[in-house]
């Protein structure tokens, strides 16, 4: 990276657009912004740069970032929300004390039920046990409607303390809860909340209509005239040159942008891949993202029977099936359940796990899903998908 300037990750105009929304929100006009870009289109980088600037300039602002996981149900998502909020508030003793003071000050004016949610959250902050190594928080959720309780607690905090919430991959949550949370919190903080919710989104298309959860699509439709939308335009040669310069590198900015379809995340990964292989300064006219995908297979990881499957049995995936398996995985997303790949392709389920493990340069395990009874895998780089 250049010693003269920080890493270039987003246009100043895009950061300024978020700053404008944040200024309005801080003044008491709660906002929700749908930050739109395709996969790899720079949402995470833009939001991170905006939040970095806010954190550097405003000590009092609470920045709460939540990454939703693929195949997550409503309860899992709600637990993640509570855990991540507590994890944000508890490390700083002064911040935790301020939040406790803010909630206690509003107790007398609230119904008994709301008072109970405030008191339970205060207790959760005091009693929560954080495993720094695993990044996990142990806490107890309210038994009385924890979703509404979370809305009430966050709204109470945001009335007195400026708050930024970033929700990544909301479309991964197959639940009504997320849409209810976003809308209810927006409504609860309209009169005096200092809150901006940044929701990662994609431009509406037939694909999003088919893949996004119906509650989320319904929310966007009903709140179209009340939620803000900011679309990130693809990078051109100028932005790619600025990114290269900020890393102290040189390359064919026009061609790099064309290969990655102008998507900032893909451009960054592409430059990393080419730099690692000492090809950044070479002729890129024949390079495509597909040509850079590591499709090698460690066949020692595979146990493929010599005999073909008997009638009624499914086929074992082998090294010869890598192209089809990669295609099916890509159709399902950046992360995907291995059993679904197997069922879509008519493969033995265990053999798909073996093949994905054998392609360790391309895929990695994320977690085991008890609900789906399968491992969740993901592409190691977004551009590989």
Protein backbone atom coordinates (compact mmCIF):
# COMPACT_ATOMS: atom_id res chain seq x y z
CA UNK A 1 0.00 0.00 0.00
CA UNK A 2 1.20 3.53 -0.72
CA UNK A 3 2.61 5.34 2.32
CA UNK A 4 1.08 8.62 1.10
CA UNK A 5 -2.57 7.62 1.11
CA UNK A 6 -4.95 5.03 2.59
CA UNK A 7 -6.27 2.15 0.53
CA UNK A 8 -8.83 3.35 -2.03
CA UNK A 9 -11.96 1.22 -1.67
CA UNK A 10 -14.87 3.52 -2.55
CA UNK A 11 -15.70 6.70 -4.42
CA UNK A 12 -15.84 9.86 -2.33
CA UNK A 13 -19.28 10.58 -3.80
CA UNK A 14 -20.64 7.26 -2.50
CA UNK A 15 -19.23 7.86 0.97
CA UNK A 16 -20.65 11.40 0.91
CA UNK A 17 -24.12 10.06 0.05
CA UNK A 18 -24.07 7.89 3.18
CA UNK A 19 -22.73 10.79 5.23
CA UNK A 20 -25.70 12.92 4.09
CA UNK A 21 -28.17 10.27 5.21
CA UNK A 22 -26.32 9.89 8.50
CA UNK A 23 -26.42 13.65 9.15
CA UNK A 24 -30.19 13.60 8.74
CA UNK A 25 -30.52 10.55 10.97
CA UNK A 26 -28.35 12.10 13.70
CA UNK A 27 -30.63 15.11 13.68
CA UNK A 28 -33.55 12.87 14.66
CA UNK A 29 -34.86 11.68 11.30
CA UNK A 30 -34.35 7.91 11.40
CA UNK A 31 -33.33 6.44 8.03
CA UNK A 32 -33.15 3.09 6.25
CA UNK A 33 -30.96 2.91 3.15
CA UNK A 34 -30.91 -0.01 0.75
CA UNK A 35 -27.29 -0.15 -0.42
CA UNK A 36 -27.56 -1.74 -3.85
CA UNK A 37 -24.89 -3.54 -5.86
CA UNK A 38 -24.49 -7.03 -7.30
CA UNK A 39 -22.38 -9.66 -5.57
CA UNK A 40 -18.82 -8.30 -5.44
CA UNK A 41 -20.11 -4.83 -6.24
CA UNK A 42 -18.48 -3.00 -3.33
CA UNK A 43 -21.22 -2.75 -0.70
CA UNK A 44 -19.09 -4.11 2.13
CA UNK A 45 -16.08 -1.94 1.23
CA UNK A 46 -18.14 1.25 0.88
CA UNK A 47 -20.01 0.69 4.12
CA UNK A 48 -16.80 -0.21 5.97
CA UNK A 49 -15.10 2.98 4.74
CA UNK A 50 -18.10 5.10 5.77
CA UNK A 51 -18.24 3.45 9.21
CA UNK A 52 -14.46 3.87 9.61
CA UNK A 53 -14.79 7.58 9.01
CA UNK A 54 -17.72 7.88 11.42
CA UNK A 55 -15.86 5.94 14.12
CA UNK A 56 -12.84 8.19 13.70
CA UNK A 57 -14.88 11.37 14.06
CA UNK A 58 -17.60 10.41 16.57
CA UNK A 59 -16.69 8.67 19.82
CA UNK A 60 -20.28 8.41 21.02
CA UNK A 61 -21.80 6.59 18.02
CA UNK A 62 -22.67 2.91 18.39
CA UNK A 63 -21.75 0.94 15.26
CA UNK A 64 -23.48 -2.43 15.08
CA UNK A 65 -22.61 -4.70 12.14
CA UNK A 66 -24.44 -7.97 11.53
CA UNK A 67 -23.57 -10.55 8.88
CA UNK A 68 -26.53 -12.84 8.20
CA UNK A 69 -25.65 -16.39 7.18
CA UNK A 70 -27.11 -18.46 4.37
CA UNK A 71 -29.88 -20.88 5.36
CA UNK A 72 -30.40 -19.07 8.69
CA UNK A 73 -33.86 -19.36 10.23
CA UNK A 74 -35.62 -16.74 12.32
CA UNK A 75 -34.48 -17.95 15.73
CA UNK A 76 -30.86 -18.31 14.65
CA UNK A 77 -30.94 -14.81 13.22
CA UNK A 78 -32.50 -13.38 16.37
CA UNK A 79 -29.86 -15.04 18.57
CA UNK A 80 -27.19 -13.60 16.27
CA UNK A 81 -28.71 -10.12 16.60
CA UNK A 82 -28.79 -10.21 20.40
CA UNK A 83 -25.32 -11.72 20.63
CA UNK A 84 -23.72 -9.27 18.23
CA UNK A 85 -25.30 -6.25 19.96
CA UNK A 86 -24.13 -7.39 23.37
CA UNK A 87 -20.67 -8.06 21.91
CA UNK A 88 -20.56 -4.47 20.59
CA UNK A 89 -21.61 -2.91 23.90
CA UNK A 90 -19.90 -4.94 26.61
CA UNK A 91 -16.14 -4.61 25.88
CA UNK A 92 -16.24 -0.86 26.63
CA UNK A 93 -17.23 -0.44 30.28
CA UNK A 94 -18.06 3.25 29.85
CA UNK A 95 -20.30 2.54 26.83
CA UNK A 96 -22.06 -0.29 28.60
CA UNK A 97 -22.63 1.98 31.60
CA UNK A 98 -24.02 4.73 29.37
CA UNK A 99 -26.43 2.31 27.68
CA UNK A 100 -27.55 1.03 31.09
CA UNK A 101 -28.11 4.60 32.27
CA UNK A 102 -30.11 5.45 29.12
CA UNK A 103 -32.40 2.42 29.56
CA UNK A 104 -32.88 2.99 33.29
CA UNK A 105 -33.76 6.64 32.70
CA UNK A 106 -36.61 5.63 30.35
CA UNK A 107 -38.01 2.90 32.61
CA UNK A 108 -40.57 5.01 34.52
CA UNK A 109 -42.35 6.11 31.36
CA UNK A 110 -42.73 2.63 29.89
CA UNK A 111 -45.36 -0.11 30.37
CA UNK A 112 -44.42 -2.98 32.65
CA UNK A 113 -43.77 -5.30 29.71
CA UNK A 114 -41.28 -2.89 28.11
CA UNK A 115 -39.65 -2.31 31.48
CA UNK A 116 -39.07 -6.05 31.68
CA UNK A 117 -37.27 -6.07 28.31
CA UNK A 118 -35.06 -3.16 29.36
CA UNK A 119 -34.16 -4.86 32.65
CA UNK A 120 -33.47 -8.21 31.02
CA UNK A 121 -31.16 -6.59 28.46
CA UNK A 122 -29.25 -4.75 31.18
CA UNK A 123 -28.86 -8.05 33.03
CA UNK A 124 -27.74 -9.74 29.79
CA UNK A 125 -24.98 -7.15 29.32
CA UNK A 126 -23.74 -7.72 32.87
CA UNK A 127 -23.91 -11.52 32.77
CA UNK A 128 -22.84 -12.20 29.15
CA UNK A 129 -19.75 -14.33 28.72
CA UNK A 130 -17.67 -13.59 25.65
CA UNK A 131 -15.33 -16.13 24.08
CA UNK A 132 -12.88 -13.82 22.33
CA UNK A 133 -11.15 -16.71 20.54
CA UNK A 134 -14.34 -18.06 18.96
CA UNK A 135 -16.08 -14.70 18.69
CA UNK A 136 -19.14 -16.05 20.51
CA UNK A 137 -21.28 -14.59 23.28
CA UNK A 138 -23.28 -16.61 25.80
CA UNK A 139 -26.45 -14.88 26.95
CA UNK A 140 -30.10 -15.46 27.77
CA UNK A 141 -32.86 -14.22 25.48
CA UNK A 142 -36.15 -12.88 26.89
CA UNK A 143 -38.86 -15.52 26.91
CA UNK A 144 -41.56 -12.91 26.27
CA UNK A 145 -41.39 -12.11 22.53
CA UNK A 146 -37.64 -11.48 22.15
CA UNK A 147 -38.10 -9.88 18.69
CA UNK A 148 -40.36 -7.08 19.94
CA UNK A 149 -38.15 -6.80 23.00
CA UNK A 150 -35.08 -6.22 20.83
CA UNK A 151 -36.90 -3.52 18.83
CA UNK A 152 -37.91 -1.74 22.04
CA UNK A 153 -34.40 -1.91 23.52
CA UNK A 154 -32.64 -0.69 20.36
CA UNK A 155 -35.19 2.09 19.86
CA UNK A 156 -34.65 3.25 23.44
CA UNK A 157 -30.88 3.33 22.98
CA UNK A 158 -31.14 5.15 19.63
CA UNK A 159 -33.33 7.88 21.16
CA UNK A 160 -30.36 9.05 23.20
CA UNK A 161 -27.22 7.66 21.54
CA UNK A 162 -26.49 7.91 17.78
CA UNK A 163 -26.58 4.42 16.27
CA UNK A 164 -25.59 2.85 12.94
CA UNK A 165 -26.77 -0.64 12.05
CA UNK A 166 -25.33 -2.50 9.07
CA UNK A 167 -27.14 -5.68 8.01
CA UNK A 168 -25.23 -7.77 5.48
CA UNK A 169 -27.01 -10.42 3.39
CA UNK A 170 -30.54 -9.86 4.79
CA UNK A 171 -31.83 -12.00 1.92
CA UNK A 172 -30.11 -15.03 3.49
CA UNK A 173 -32.58 -15.06 6.40
CA UNK A 174 -35.67 -17.13 5.65
CA UNK A 175 -37.88 -15.49 8.23
CA UNK A 176 -40.46 -12.78 8.73
CA UNK A 177 -38.47 -11.59 11.75
CA UNK A 178 -35.83 -9.59 9.91
CA UNK A 179 -38.34 -7.60 7.86
CA UNK A 180 -40.42 -6.95 10.99
CA UNK A 181 -37.33 -5.79 12.90
CA UNK A 182 -36.22 -3.31 10.22
CA UNK A 183 -39.69 -1.84 9.72
CA UNK A 184 -40.66 -1.72 13.40
CA UNK A 185 -37.38 -0.11 14.42
CA UNK A 186 -37.73 2.45 11.64
CA UNK A 187 -41.26 3.31 12.79
CA UNK A 188 -40.36 3.42 16.49
CA UNK A 189 -37.52 5.89 15.92
CA UNK A 190 -39.21 8.30 13.50
CA UNK A 191 -39.99 11.00 16.05
CA UNK A 192 -36.72 11.17 17.99
CA UNK A 193 -34.39 8.34 17.00
CA UNK A 194 -30.79 8.97 15.91
CA UNK A 195 -30.56 5.85 13.77
CA UNK A 196 -29.42 4.80 10.30
CA UNK A 197 -29.97 1.23 9.11
CA UNK A 198 -27.78 0.19 6.15
CA UNK A 199 -29.32 -2.81 4.41
CA UNK A 200 -27.24 -4.63 1.80
CA UNK A 201 -29.38 -5.12 -1.28
CA UNK A 202 -29.29 -5.83 -5.01
CA UNK A 203 -31.05 -4.04 -7.85
CA UNK A 204 -34.48 -5.58 -8.33
CA UNK A 205 -34.59 -8.20 -11.07
CA UNK A 206 -36.31 -11.47 -11.89
CA UNK A 207 -33.49 -13.21 -10.01
CA UNK A 208 -34.00 -11.26 -6.79
CA UNK A 209 -37.77 -11.73 -7.04
CA UNK A 210 -37.23 -15.47 -7.30
CA UNK A 211 -34.54 -15.82 -4.60
CA UNK A 212 -35.22 -13.17 -1.95
CA UNK A 213 -37.56 -14.12 0.93
CA UNK A 214 -41.11 -12.90 0.39
CA UNK A 215 -41.25 -10.89 3.65
CA UNK A 216 -38.20 -8.90 2.54
CA UNK A 217 -39.62 -8.25 -0.94
CA UNK A 218 -42.94 -7.21 0.60
CA UNK A 219 -41.12 -4.83 2.97
CA UNK A 220 -39.26 -3.18 0.11
CA UNK A 221 -42.46 -2.82 -1.90
CA UNK A 222 -44.53 -1.33 0.94
CA UNK A 223 -41.76 1.05 2.08
CA UNK A 224 -40.58 2.08 -1.38
CA UNK A 225 -41.46 5.73 -0.78
CA UNK A 226 -39.95 5.83 2.74
CA UNK A 227 -36.69 3.88 2.46
CA UNK A 228 -33.74 5.50 0.71
CA UNK A 229 -31.86 3.65 -2.04
CA UNK A 230 -28.23 4.16 -3.00
CA UNK A 231 -26.89 2.19 -5.96
CA UNK A 232 -23.13 1.69 -6.36
CA UNK A 233 -22.08 2.09 -9.97
CA UNK A 234 -19.40 -0.23 -11.43
CA UNK A 235 -15.81 0.94 -11.28
CA UNK A 236 -14.15 2.27 -14.38
CA UNK A 237 -10.49 2.70 -15.23
CA UNK A 238 -10.10 5.74 -12.95
CA UNK A 239 -11.26 3.92 -9.82
CA UNK A 240 -9.20 0.83 -10.68
CA UNK A 241 -6.10 3.01 -11.19
CA UNK A 242 -6.73 4.69 -7.84
CA UNK A 243 -7.01 1.30 -6.13
CA UNK A 244 -3.79 0.07 -7.75
CA UNK A 245 -1.95 3.27 -6.81
CA UNK A 246 -3.11 3.03 -3.20
CA UNK A 247 -1.52 -0.43 -3.05
CA UNK A 248 1.67 0.77 -4.72
CA UNK A 249 0.98 -1.31 -7.84
CA UNK A 250 0.67 -0.75 -11.57
CA UNK A 251 -1.40 -2.63 -14.09
CA UNK A 252 -3.78 -2.44 -17.03
CA UNK A 253 -6.70 -0.74 -15.27
CA UNK A 254 -9.00 -0.90 -18.29
CA UNK A 255 -8.50 -4.62 -18.76
CA UNK A 256 -8.70 -5.41 -15.04
CA UNK A 257 -12.03 -3.61 -14.82
CA UNK A 258 -13.34 -5.39 -17.90
CA UNK A 259 -12.34 -8.84 -16.59
CA UNK A 260 -14.13 -8.18 -13.29
CA UNK A 261 -17.15 -6.44 -14.89
CA UNK A 262 -16.35 -3.31 -12.89
CA UNK A 263 -17.17 -4.97 -9.57
CA UNK A 264 -14.81 -3.53 -6.91
CA UNK A 265 -14.69 -6.71 -4.82
CA UNK A 266 -13.77 -8.80 -7.84
CA UNK A 267 -11.21 -6.25 -9.01
CA UNK A 268 -9.49 -6.42 -5.61
CA UNK A 269 -9.48 -10.24 -5.64
CA UNK A 270 -8.31 -10.32 -9.26
CA UNK A 271 -5.37 -8.06 -8.47
CA UNK A 272 -4.45 -10.23 -5.48
CA UNK A 273 -4.55 -13.40 -7.58
CA UNK A 274 -2.47 -11.89 -10.37
CA UNK A 275 0.03 -10.38 -7.92
CA UNK A 276 0.48 -13.71 -6.13
CA UNK A 277 1.22 -15.41 -9.45
CA UNK A 278 3.45 -12.52 -10.65
CA UNK A 279 1.15 -11.87 -13.63
CA UNK A 280 -0.21 -8.41 -12.85
CA UNK A 281 2.14 -6.69 -15.29
CA UNK A 282 1.78 -9.27 -18.04
CA UNK A 283 -0.55 -9.37 -21.06
CA UNK A 284 -4.10 -9.87 -19.73
CA UNK A 285 -5.91 -10.00 -23.06
CA UNK A 286 -6.69 -13.71 -22.73
CA UNK A 287 -7.37 -13.69 -18.97
CA UNK A 288 -10.90 -14.25 -17.66
CA UNK A 289 -12.16 -14.92 -14.16
CA UNK A 290 -13.01 -18.47 -15.24
CA UNK A 291 -9.42 -19.06 -16.34
CA UNK A 292 -8.21 -18.24 -12.82
CA UNK A 293 -10.49 -20.63 -10.93
CA UNK A 294 -8.41 -23.32 -9.15
CA UNK A 295 -10.23 -26.47 -10.23
CA UNK A 296 -7.53 -28.93 -9.16
CA UNK A 297 -8.64 -31.99 -7.19
CA UNK A 298 -6.70 -33.99 -4.59
CA UNK A 299 -7.88 -37.40 -5.73
CA UNK A 300 -6.44 -39.05 -2.62
CA UNK A 301 -9.42 -37.53 -0.78
CA UNK A 302 -11.89 -39.40 -3.00
CA UNK A 303 -13.25 -42.91 -2.55
CA UNK A 304 -14.93 -43.73 -5.84
CA UNK A 305 -16.16 -47.35 -6.22
CA UNK A 306 -14.85 -49.19 -9.25
CA UNK A 307 -18.26 -50.69 -10.02
CA UNK A 308 -20.99 -48.43 -11.41
CA UNK A 309 -23.96 -47.74 -9.11
CA UNK A 310 -26.62 -50.42 -9.00
CA UNK A 311 -30.20 -49.64 -9.94
CA UNK A 312 -31.69 -47.23 -7.42
CA UNK A 313 -28.29 -46.06 -6.15
CA UNK A 314 -26.82 -42.61 -6.72
CA UNK A 315 -23.55 -41.98 -8.48
CA UNK A 316 -20.38 -41.18 -6.55
CA UNK A 317 -18.91 -37.82 -7.57
CA UNK A 318 -15.41 -38.05 -9.02
CA UNK A 319 -12.77 -35.68 -10.38
CA UNK A 320 -14.55 -35.89 -13.75
CA UNK A 321 -17.61 -34.21 -12.19
CA UNK A 322 -15.85 -31.07 -10.97
CA UNK A 323 -17.23 -28.82 -13.71
CA UNK A 324 -20.84 -29.76 -13.07
CA UNK A 325 -20.46 -29.60 -9.28
CA UNK A 326 -18.85 -26.15 -9.52
CA UNK A 327 -21.74 -24.97 -11.69
CA UNK A 328 -24.41 -26.29 -9.33
CA UNK A 329 -22.65 -24.74 -6.33
CA UNK A 330 -22.41 -21.38 -8.08
CA UNK A 331 -26.15 -21.45 -8.83
CA UNK A 332 -26.87 -21.73 -5.10
CA UNK A 333 -24.75 -18.78 -4.02
CA UNK A 334 -21.46 -17.83 -2.42
CA UNK A 335 -22.29 -20.31 0.36
CA UNK A 336 -24.37 -23.44 -0.15
CA UNK A 337 -25.49 -26.73 1.48
CA UNK A 338 -23.55 -29.67 0.08
CA UNK A 339 -26.55 -32.02 0.27
CA UNK A 340 -28.51 -29.76 -2.06
CA UNK A 341 -25.68 -29.83 -4.60
CA UNK A 342 -25.69 -33.63 -4.36
CA UNK A 343 -29.47 -33.90 -4.80
CA UNK A 344 -29.54 -31.46 -7.71
CA UNK A 345 -26.86 -33.44 -9.52
CA UNK A 346 -28.04 -36.91 -8.53
CA UNK A 347 -24.85 -37.68 -6.59
CA UNK A 348 -24.19 -39.62 -3.42
CA UNK A 349 -24.20 -37.02 -0.63
CA UNK A 350 -21.05 -38.18 1.14
CA UNK A 351 -19.16 -38.22 -2.13
CA UNK A 352 -19.99 -34.54 -2.71
CA UNK A 353 -18.53 -33.68 0.71
CA UNK A 354 -15.41 -35.61 -0.25
CA UNK A 355 -15.11 -33.83 -3.60
CA UNK A 356 -15.59 -30.39 -2.06
CA UNK A 357 -12.93 -31.20 0.55
CA UNK A 358 -10.62 -32.38 -2.23
CA UNK A 359 -11.00 -29.00 -3.95
CA UNK A 360 -9.59 -27.09 -0.97
CA UNK A 361 -8.17 -24.28 -3.10
CA UNK A 362 -11.69 -23.43 -4.26
CA UNK A 363 -14.06 -24.36 -1.41
CA UNK A 364 -14.01 -24.32 2.38
CA UNK A 365 -16.34 -25.57 5.10
CA UNK A 366 -18.32 -22.92 6.98
CA UNK A 367 -20.46 -24.81 9.48
CA UNK A 368 -22.71 -27.83 9.93
CA UNK A 369 -26.42 -27.08 9.64
CA UNK A 370 -28.47 -29.22 12.02
CA UNK A 371 -31.72 -28.12 10.36
CA UNK A 372 -30.55 -29.25 6.92
CA UNK A 373 -28.39 -32.09 8.25
CA UNK A 374 -25.54 -31.07 5.98
CA UNK A 375 -22.33 -29.09 5.81
CA UNK A 376 -22.44 -25.54 4.48
CA UNK A 377 -19.53 -24.75 2.14
CA UNK A 378 -18.52 -21.55 0.41
CA UNK A 379 -16.25 -20.35 -2.37
CA UNK A 380 -12.93 -19.12 -0.96
CA UNK A 381 -13.10 -16.03 -3.17
CA UNK A 382 -16.26 -14.32 -4.33
CA UNK A 383 -14.95 -13.96 -7.89
CA UNK A 384 -14.49 -17.74 -8.18
CA UNK A 385 -18.26 -18.12 -8.05
